[in-house]
Amino acid sequence: MNRIASRWRRALGVAVAGISMLSVSAAMAVEVTVWCWDPNFNGATMKEAAARYTAQHPDVTFNIVDFAKADLEQKLQAQLASGTTDGLPDIVLIEDYGAQKYLQSFPGAFEPLTGKVDYAGFAPYKVELATLDGQTYSVPFDSGVTGFFYRSDYLGEAGYDAAALQDITWDQFIAIGKDVEAKTGHKLMSLDLNDAGLIRIMLQSAGKWYFTPDGQPDIAGSATFKTVLETYQRLLQSGIYKQVASWNDYTGAFTSGEASGTVTGVWMTGTIKAQADQSGKWGVAPLPKLDGVEGATHASNLGGSSWYVLASSAEKAEAVDFLATVWGSDSDFYQKILVSQGALGSLLSAREGTAFTASDEFFGGQAVWQNFSDWLAAIPGVNYGIFTNEADAAVIAQIPALKDGAPVDQAIAAIDAQVKQQIQ
């Protein structure tokens, strides 16, 4: 009887110990919640990063929540404005153009990552756009580094090879466009006059923006802004583009072969390569440069986003460590998402991998990713401020007048007045 009781006590002790260990394990388990948009791009790359981290840290799992971009921004804005932190994620994706608006409008809402992430390894412009008062708040993700995607067969027919597109100005670009259309019947590009993207590209290529680093409008009195509008007006009046009014029309013009190409961000690569029958008929050239502007370059940006940790996160330590170790230093991870999703990250050390240096037969054997990553490192840093959307609207309102030949100084005065009125 005593032996039976002893066995029961030992069995009970083992069971209690097992329950205790399970309780400790459950208490140690952590789930990091991430908000992002586009499951095939941002979501897919985050899942790859999460799988890598969980493989090394089995007690940390991830809940990746996909939103439409506008819905995410609305939900994040509303919740931060309410002051309620319940329901906020641990990590959120924010478009770079909106970074300063969030950081300045909601001080203390995001965790500063200076000293926790090695920013020396990232493209400088990506670090600058998420820095406020000496603290950097994001782990940079994808770049919108720009280039001129072009149909090499069309331009070749007109007598232009890859060498002819190196180190050119916008005026030379316009002249090439006129010549290509005269010889082949194809417009050089498609252009939506309700979008200010090309103007933003030109501005940042010279290290300028709509605002000064301290947030004041840099429009009236800015020689660079005037040169940009003058250059854009010459392009508008040149007729080298097909005018479009929607995203599908814009991409359809060059993917169908009607137009010869487009000036845009690296993220357009996947859309172009989806046209399998056009393999070997495309090339990518550096961005044209503004003429007569000190500091003008052949490198610029359009779009891009970065990851932020919410200061209210209960899993802040794990969220920060995850971003720092995978997104902040794992070059192999960046090789994988480049091949799988066409995601060109901002970690410069990843450029040494084979995925970046490989030639691409679709683009006539060019090392396309290497070219884009080289241009990425040369993008001038600017502070996007908190009113980029308002400035875009003011610029777009003047595009019809510029196309009709209105004086540039008149357009600048109108843009400046509208921006100042909107930001009061």
Protein backbone atom coordinates (compact mmCIF):
# COMPACT_ATOMS: atom_id res chain seq x y z
CA MET A 1 0.00 0.00 0.00
CA ASN A 2 2.84 2.38 0.87
CA ARG A 3 4.58 1.52 -2.39
CA ILE A 4 1.38 2.26 -4.33
CA ALA A 5 0.99 5.62 -2.56
CA SER A 6 4.62 6.44 -3.23
CA ARG A 7 4.17 5.73 -6.94
CA TRP A 8 1.09 7.96 -7.03
CA ARG A 9 3.02 10.78 -5.36
CA ARG A 10 5.90 10.45 -7.83
CA ALA A 11 3.49 10.39 -10.76
CA LEU A 12 1.66 13.41 -9.40
CA GLY A 13 4.96 15.23 -8.95
CA VAL A 14 5.99 14.55 -12.53
CA ALA A 15 2.59 15.73 -13.79
CA VAL A 16 2.74 18.93 -11.74
CA ALA A 17 6.28 19.59 -12.97
CA GLY A 18 5.13 19.06 -16.57
CA ILE A 19 2.23 21.44 -16.15
CA SER A 20 4.60 23.96 -14.56
CA MET A 21 7.03 23.73 -17.47
CA LEU A 22 4.19 24.13 -19.97
CA SER A 23 2.98 27.18 -18.09
CA VAL A 24 6.44 28.73 -18.14
CA SER A 25 6.79 27.94 -21.84
CA ALA A 26 3.38 29.48 -22.57
CA ALA A 27 4.29 32.53 -20.54
CA MET A 28 7.49 32.93 -22.55
CA ALA A 29 5.78 32.59 -25.94
CA VAL A 30 5.50 35.88 -27.81
CA GLU A 31 3.38 36.83 -30.83
CA VAL A 32 4.47 39.91 -32.76
CA THR A 33 1.70 41.58 -34.76
CA VAL A 34 2.62 43.32 -38.02
CA TRP A 35 0.42 45.61 -40.14
CA CYS A 36 1.26 46.03 -43.83
CA TRP A 37 -0.33 46.16 -47.28
CA ASP A 38 0.14 44.15 -50.50
CA PRO A 39 0.33 40.46 -49.49
CA ASN A 40 2.25 39.51 -52.62
CA PHE A 41 5.05 41.99 -51.96
CA ASN A 42 5.26 43.49 -48.47
CA GLY A 43 3.36 40.64 -46.83
CA ALA A 44 5.37 37.95 -48.60
CA THR A 45 8.72 39.49 -47.70
CA MET A 46 7.62 39.91 -44.07
CA LYS A 47 6.57 36.24 -43.93
CA GLU A 48 10.01 35.22 -45.16
CA ALA A 49 11.67 37.41 -42.53
CA ALA A 50 9.37 36.07 -39.81
CA ALA A 51 10.10 32.45 -40.74
CA ARG A 52 13.83 33.10 -40.49
CA TYR A 53 13.51 34.67 -37.06
CA THR A 54 11.15 32.02 -35.67
CA ALA A 55 13.55 29.29 -36.83
CA GLN A 56 16.14 30.79 -34.46
CA HIS A 57 13.64 31.92 -31.79
CA PRO A 58 10.88 29.27 -31.62
CA ASP A 59 9.02 31.08 -28.86
CA VAL A 60 8.44 34.10 -31.13
CA THR A 61 5.73 33.87 -33.77
CA PHE A 62 4.20 36.49 -36.04
CA ASN A 63 0.69 37.59 -36.92
CA ILE A 64 0.96 39.44 -40.24
CA VAL A 65 -2.22 41.40 -40.94
CA ASP A 66 -2.82 42.58 -44.49
CA PHE A 67 -4.78 45.77 -45.25
CA ALA A 68 -5.49 47.87 -48.28
CA LYS A 69 -2.93 50.67 -48.03
CA ALA A 70 -5.51 53.43 -47.56
CA ASP A 71 -7.33 51.40 -44.90
CA LEU A 72 -4.13 50.83 -42.95
CA GLU A 73 -3.27 54.52 -43.02
CA GLN A 74 -6.76 55.53 -41.95
CA LYS A 75 -6.86 53.01 -39.09
CA LEU A 76 -3.37 53.92 -37.84
CA GLN A 77 -4.08 57.66 -38.06
CA ALA A 78 -7.42 57.36 -36.25
CA GLN A 79 -6.06 55.20 -33.45
CA LEU A 80 -2.99 57.36 -32.84
CA ALA A 81 -5.16 60.47 -32.86
CA SER A 82 -7.50 58.92 -30.28
CA GLY A 83 -4.62 58.27 -27.90
CA THR A 84 -5.76 54.66 -27.45
CA THR A 85 -2.97 52.11 -27.83
CA ASP A 86 -5.14 48.97 -27.42
CA GLY A 87 -5.28 47.14 -30.73
CA LEU A 88 -2.22 48.78 -32.27
CA PRO A 89 0.33 46.42 -33.83
CA ASP A 90 3.89 45.90 -32.67
CA ILE A 91 5.31 46.73 -36.12
CA VAL A 92 3.75 48.78 -38.91
CA LEU A 93 4.76 49.57 -42.49
CA ILE A 94 4.70 53.28 -43.39
CA GLU A 95 5.26 54.80 -46.83
CA ASP A 96 8.34 57.01 -46.81
CA TYR A 97 6.49 60.12 -47.98
CA GLY A 98 4.34 59.93 -44.84
CA ALA A 99 7.12 59.22 -42.33
CA GLN A 100 7.66 62.74 -41.03
CA LYS A 101 3.93 63.41 -40.80
CA TYR A 102 3.53 60.49 -38.40
CA LEU A 103 6.69 61.24 -36.43
CA GLN A 104 5.93 64.93 -35.97
CA SER A 105 2.17 64.60 -35.49
CA PHE A 106 2.41 61.82 -32.90
CA PRO A 107 5.53 62.36 -30.79
CA GLY A 108 6.32 59.39 -28.60
CA ALA A 109 4.18 56.98 -30.63
CA PHE A 110 7.12 55.24 -32.32
CA GLU A 111 10.15 53.63 -30.74
CA PRO A 112 13.50 55.30 -31.57
CA LEU A 113 15.90 52.71 -33.00
CA THR A 114 19.15 54.69 -32.92
CA GLY A 115 21.78 52.52 -31.26
CA LYS A 116 19.69 49.37 -31.84
CA VAL A 117 20.06 49.17 -35.62
CA ASP A 118 23.30 49.63 -37.58
CA TYR A 119 22.23 52.43 -39.91
CA ALA A 120 25.69 52.70 -41.46
CA GLY A 121 24.75 49.75 -43.66
CA PHE A 122 21.71 51.39 -45.26
CA ALA A 123 21.26 53.84 -48.13
CA PRO A 124 21.69 57.25 -46.46
CA TYR A 125 18.58 58.82 -47.99
CA LYS A 126 16.39 56.12 -46.41
CA VAL A 127 17.84 56.81 -42.97
CA GLU A 128 17.46 60.58 -43.27
CA LEU A 129 13.77 60.49 -44.13
CA ALA A 130 12.94 58.69 -40.86
CA THR A 131 15.17 60.82 -38.62
CA LEU A 132 13.79 63.52 -36.34
CA ASP A 133 15.72 65.51 -33.72
CA GLY A 134 18.72 63.22 -33.99
CA GLN A 135 16.77 59.97 -33.55
CA THR A 136 16.01 57.48 -36.33
CA TYR A 137 12.78 55.53 -36.04
CA SER A 138 12.56 53.06 -38.91
CA VAL A 139 14.26 50.03 -40.35
CA PRO A 140 14.38 50.83 -44.09
CA PHE A 141 12.74 48.40 -46.48
CA ASP A 142 12.21 48.75 -50.20
CA SER A 143 13.64 51.45 -52.35
CA GLY A 144 11.93 53.38 -55.12
CA VAL A 145 15.25 54.04 -56.88
CA THR A 146 14.43 55.27 -60.37
CA GLY A 147 15.61 54.61 -63.90
CA PHE A 148 14.51 54.83 -67.52
CA PHE A 149 12.99 51.50 -68.63
CA TYR A 150 13.04 51.42 -72.42
CA ARG A 151 12.35 49.14 -75.38
CA SER A 152 15.84 48.51 -76.67
CA ASP A 153 14.47 47.26 -80.00
CA TYR A 154 12.57 50.51 -80.65
CA LEU A 155 15.44 52.75 -79.61
CA GLY A 156 17.88 50.56 -81.51
CA GLU A 157 15.80 51.00 -84.65
CA ALA A 158 16.17 54.76 -84.18
CA GLY A 159 19.95 54.44 -83.74
CA TYR A 160 20.27 54.59 -79.92
CA ASP A 161 22.10 51.90 -77.98
CA ALA A 162 22.70 51.67 -74.22
CA ALA A 163 25.80 53.87 -74.41
CA ALA A 164 23.77 56.69 -75.97
CA LEU A 165 21.57 56.84 -72.86
CA GLN A 166 24.37 57.28 -70.33
CA ASP A 167 24.97 60.64 -68.65
CA ILE A 168 22.29 62.54 -70.58
CA THR A 169 20.27 65.59 -69.57
CA TRP A 170 16.49 65.94 -69.70
CA ASP A 171 16.79 68.10 -72.82
CA GLN A 172 18.79 65.35 -74.52
CA PHE A 173 16.13 62.87 -73.37
CA ILE A 174 13.46 65.03 -75.02
CA ALA A 175 15.47 65.22 -78.25
CA ILE A 176 15.87 61.43 -78.27
CA GLY A 177 12.12 61.08 -77.77
CA LYS A 178 11.35 63.24 -80.76
CA ASP A 179 13.80 61.31 -82.92
CA VAL A 180 12.47 57.92 -81.80
CA GLU A 181 8.91 58.89 -82.62
CA ALA A 182 9.92 60.28 -86.03
CA LYS A 183 11.75 57.06 -86.93
CA THR A 184 9.55 54.40 -85.30
CA GLY A 185 6.14 55.98 -84.68
CA HIS A 186 6.34 55.21 -80.94
CA LYS A 187 6.07 57.81 -78.20
CA LEU A 188 8.98 57.67 -75.76
CA MET A 189 6.84 57.30 -72.62
CA SER A 190 3.38 57.54 -71.09
CA LEU A 191 2.49 60.35 -68.69
CA ASP A 192 -0.46 61.00 -66.37
CA LEU A 193 -0.88 64.76 -65.95
CA ASN A 194 -2.80 64.19 -62.71
CA ASP A 195 0.31 62.81 -61.06
CA ALA A 196 3.33 64.80 -59.87
CA GLY A 197 5.66 61.80 -59.63
CA LEU A 198 8.04 62.95 -62.36
CA ILE A 199 8.41 66.37 -60.74
CA ARG A 200 9.25 64.70 -57.42
CA ILE A 201 11.83 62.54 -59.20
CA MET A 202 13.47 65.59 -60.73
CA LEU A 203 13.52 67.48 -57.42
CA GLN A 204 15.10 64.73 -55.36
CA SER A 205 17.70 64.02 -58.04
CA ALA A 206 19.12 67.45 -57.17
CA GLY A 207 18.79 66.98 -53.41
CA LYS A 208 15.77 69.29 -53.16
CA TRP A 209 12.14 68.99 -52.10
CA TYR A 210 9.05 71.18 -51.75
CA PHE A 211 10.23 72.15 -48.27
CA THR A 212 13.41 73.11 -46.45
CA PRO A 213 14.78 70.69 -43.82
CA ASP A 214 12.99 72.71 -41.12
CA GLY A 215 9.64 72.37 -42.91
CA GLN A 216 9.30 75.77 -44.60
CA PRO A 217 8.06 75.92 -48.23
CA ASP A 218 10.98 75.97 -50.66
CA ILE A 219 9.07 76.90 -53.81
CA ALA A 220 9.09 80.63 -54.59
CA GLY A 221 12.70 81.73 -54.69
CA SER A 222 14.08 78.23 -55.23
CA ALA A 223 16.24 78.17 -58.36
CA THR A 224 16.08 74.37 -58.44
CA PHE A 225 12.29 74.26 -58.25
CA LYS A 226 12.11 76.77 -61.11
CA THR A 227 14.51 74.69 -63.22
CA VAL A 228 12.43 71.58 -62.53
CA LEU A 229 9.20 73.27 -63.67
CA GLU A 230 10.90 74.74 -66.74
CA THR A 231 12.27 71.30 -67.65
CA TYR A 232 8.90 69.66 -67.03
CA GLN A 233 7.16 72.29 -69.16
CA ARG A 234 9.54 71.62 -72.06
CA LEU A 235 8.76 67.92 -71.75
CA LEU A 236 5.01 68.64 -71.64
CA GLN A 237 5.20 70.74 -74.79
CA SER A 238 7.51 68.35 -76.64
CA GLY A 239 4.83 65.77 -77.35
CA ILE A 240 7.15 62.81 -76.66
CA TYR A 241 4.61 61.10 -74.41
CA LYS A 242 1.22 59.46 -74.62
CA GLN A 243 -1.12 61.22 -72.20
CA VAL A 244 -3.00 58.78 -69.95
CA ALA A 245 -5.56 59.15 -67.18
CA SER A 246 -5.35 55.96 -65.11
CA TRP A 247 -2.82 53.52 -63.73
CA ASN A 248 -3.88 50.77 -66.12
CA ASP A 249 -3.59 53.10 -69.10
CA TYR A 250 -0.19 54.27 -67.87
CA THR A 251 1.32 50.78 -67.55
CA GLY A 252 -0.60 49.48 -70.54
CA ALA A 253 0.98 52.03 -72.86
CA PHE A 254 4.48 50.62 -72.46
CA THR A 255 3.68 46.97 -71.69
CA SER A 256 1.60 46.77 -74.88
CA GLY A 257 4.44 48.20 -76.95
CA GLU A 258 2.60 51.38 -77.86
CA ALA A 259 5.09 53.57 -75.98
CA SER A 260 8.83 52.99 -75.82
CA GLY A 261 9.26 53.07 -72.05
CA THR A 262 8.82 54.90 -68.77
CA VAL A 263 10.77 56.77 -66.10
CA THR A 264 9.78 55.26 -62.76
CA GLY A 265 10.82 53.25 -59.71
CA VAL A 266 12.51 49.87 -59.63
CA TRP A 267 9.28 48.28 -58.41
CA MET A 268 7.99 48.47 -62.01
CA THR A 269 10.41 45.68 -62.98
CA GLY A 270 7.93 42.92 -62.18
CA THR A 271 5.15 44.50 -64.27
CA ILE A 272 7.46 44.80 -67.26
CA LYS A 273 8.89 41.29 -66.91
CA ALA A 274 5.37 39.86 -66.82
CA GLN A 275 5.38 40.40 -70.61
CA ALA A 276 7.30 37.21 -71.35
CA ASP A 277 7.13 37.67 -75.13
CA GLN A 278 9.18 40.88 -74.77
CA SER A 279 12.20 39.18 -73.21
CA GLY A 280 15.44 40.55 -74.63
CA LYS A 281 13.70 43.68 -75.92
CA TRP A 282 14.13 45.87 -72.82
CA GLY A 283 16.91 47.87 -71.19
CA VAL A 284 17.29 50.15 -68.19
CA ALA A 285 19.28 53.40 -68.25
CA PRO A 286 20.15 55.93 -65.55
CA LEU A 287 17.83 58.84 -64.89
CA PRO A 288 18.46 61.94 -67.02
CA LYS A 289 20.06 64.81 -65.10
CA LEU A 290 18.86 68.37 -64.61
CA ASP A 291 21.00 70.74 -66.65
CA GLY A 292 22.70 73.68 -64.95
CA VAL A 293 21.79 72.70 -61.38
CA GLU A 294 24.58 72.36 -58.86
CA GLY A 295 24.48 68.97 -57.19
CA ALA A 296 22.20 67.41 -59.81
CA THR A 297 22.61 63.64 -60.17
CA HIS A 298 21.33 60.71 -62.23
CA ALA A 299 19.80 59.12 -59.12
CA SER A 300 16.41 59.65 -57.49
CA ASN A 301 13.53 57.93 -55.77
CA LEU A 302 9.81 57.35 -56.25
CA GLY A 303 7.93 55.62 -53.44
CA GLY A 304 9.33 53.10 -50.98
CA SER A 305 8.44 52.23 -47.39
CA SER A 306 9.98 51.32 -44.02
CA TRP A 307 9.14 49.38 -40.85
CA TYR A 308 8.36 51.09 -37.52
CA VAL A 309 7.95 49.73 -33.97
CA LEU A 310 5.13 51.19 -31.88
CA ALA A 311 6.40 52.53 -28.56
CA SER A 312 3.31 51.07 -26.87
CA SER A 313 4.15 47.53 -28.00
CA ALA A 314 4.13 44.90 -25.26
CA GLU A 315 6.53 42.87 -27.41
CA LYS A 316 8.84 45.78 -28.16
CA ALA A 317 12.10 44.00 -27.30
CA GLU A 318 11.33 41.10 -29.64
CA ALA A 319 10.04 43.40 -32.39
CA VAL A 320 13.20 45.53 -32.31
CA ASP A 321 15.52 42.52 -32.20
CA PHE A 322 13.67 40.91 -35.11
CA LEU A 323 13.97 44.01 -37.31
CA ALA A 324 17.61 44.56 -36.36
CA THR A 325 18.76 40.99 -36.97
CA VAL A 326 16.81 40.06 -40.12
CA TRP A 327 15.88 43.31 -41.87
CA GLY A 328 18.92 45.11 -40.50
CA SER A 329 21.75 42.70 -41.27
CA ASP A 330 20.77 39.48 -43.07
CA SER A 331 22.16 39.85 -46.59
CA ASP A 332 21.01 36.37 -47.58
CA PHE A 333 17.43 37.38 -46.74
CA TYR A 334 17.70 40.27 -49.18
CA GLN A 335 18.98 37.92 -51.88
CA LYS A 336 15.94 35.71 -51.34
CA ILE A 337 13.30 38.45 -51.51
CA LEU A 338 14.98 39.99 -54.55
CA VAL A 339 14.67 36.72 -56.44
CA SER A 340 11.24 35.74 -55.08
CA GLN A 341 9.40 39.07 -54.93
CA GLY A 342 11.61 41.45 -56.93
CA ALA A 343 12.07 43.50 -53.74
CA LEU A 344 15.13 45.73 -53.86
CA GLY A 345 15.95 46.47 -50.23
CA SER A 346 18.05 49.33 -48.88
CA LEU A 347 20.78 47.29 -47.12
CA LEU A 348 23.85 48.14 -49.16
CA SER A 349 25.90 45.10 -48.10
CA ALA A 350 23.37 42.87 -49.89
CA ARG A 351 24.65 44.25 -53.20
CA GLU A 352 27.60 41.86 -53.08
CA GLY A 353 25.40 38.77 -53.46
CA THR A 354 24.98 36.77 -56.64
CA ALA A 355 21.31 37.71 -57.03
CA PHE A 356 22.34 41.35 -57.42
CA THR A 357 25.26 40.77 -59.78
CA ALA A 358 23.52 38.27 -62.07
CA SER A 359 22.73 39.32 -65.62
CA ASP A 360 19.11 39.32 -66.76
CA GLU A 361 18.34 38.07 -70.25
CA PHE A 362 14.98 39.85 -70.22
CA PHE A 363 16.96 43.11 -70.17
CA GLY A 364 19.43 42.04 -72.83
CA GLY A 365 21.92 40.57 -70.36
CA GLN A 366 22.19 43.70 -68.21
CA ALA A 367 22.97 43.30 -64.50
CA VAL A 368 19.79 45.24 -63.77
CA TRP A 369 19.72 44.76 -60.00
CA GLN A 370 23.37 45.77 -59.71
CA ASN A 371 22.68 48.93 -61.67
CA PHE A 372 19.70 49.84 -59.53
CA SER A 373 21.59 49.14 -56.31
CA ASP A 374 24.47 51.36 -57.47
CA TRP A 375 22.02 54.18 -58.24
CA LEU A 376 20.35 53.54 -54.88
CA ALA A 377 23.56 54.41 -53.05
CA ALA A 378 23.76 57.74 -54.93
CA ILE A 379 20.22 59.03 -54.20
CA PRO A 380 20.40 62.44 -52.49
CA GLY A 381 18.77 62.52 -49.09
CA VAL A 382 15.88 64.95 -48.53
CA ASN A 383 13.37 65.56 -45.76
CA TYR A 384 9.90 64.90 -47.18
CA GLY A 385 8.28 66.90 -44.39
CA ILE A 386 4.62 66.52 -43.46
CA PHE A 387 2.86 68.24 -46.37
CA THR A 388 4.08 66.42 -49.49
CA ASN A 389 0.55 65.46 -50.53
CA GLU A 390 -0.62 69.06 -50.20
CA ALA A 391 2.32 70.29 -52.29
CA ASP A 392 1.62 67.62 -54.92
CA ALA A 393 -1.98 68.85 -55.20
CA ALA A 394 -0.82 72.42 -55.70
CA VAL A 395 1.63 71.36 -58.41
CA ILE A 396 -0.92 69.18 -60.22
CA ALA A 397 -3.35 72.11 -60.32
CA GLN A 398 -0.82 74.06 -62.43
CA ILE A 399 0.14 71.31 -64.88
CA PRO A 400 -2.58 72.16 -67.46
CA ALA A 401 -1.44 75.79 -67.50
CA LEU A 402 2.20 74.76 -67.88
CA LYS A 403 1.26 72.53 -70.80
CA ASP A 404 -0.53 75.44 -72.43
CA GLY A 405 2.58 77.61 -72.15
CA ALA A 406 1.79 79.72 -69.04
CA PRO A 407 4.80 81.54 -67.59
CA VAL A 408 6.65 79.34 -65.11
CA ASP A 409 6.95 82.21 -62.61
CA GLN A 410 3.17 82.52 -62.63
CA ALA A 411 2.76 78.80 -61.90
CA ILE A 412 5.33 78.97 -59.12
CA ALA A 413 3.52 81.88 -57.47
CA ALA A 414 0.23 79.97 -57.57
CA ILE A 415 1.80 76.79 -56.17
CA ASP A 416 3.53 78.71 -53.40
CA ALA A 417 0.33 80.51 -52.41
CA GLN A 418 -1.74 77.31 -52.35
CA VAL A 419 0.85 75.41 -50.30
CA LYS A 420 1.15 78.19 -47.74
CA GLN A 421 -2.61 78.41 -47.43
CA GLN A 422 -2.95 74.65 -46.92
CA ILE A 423 -0.28 74.32 -44.25
CA GLN A 424 -1.37 77.26 -42.09
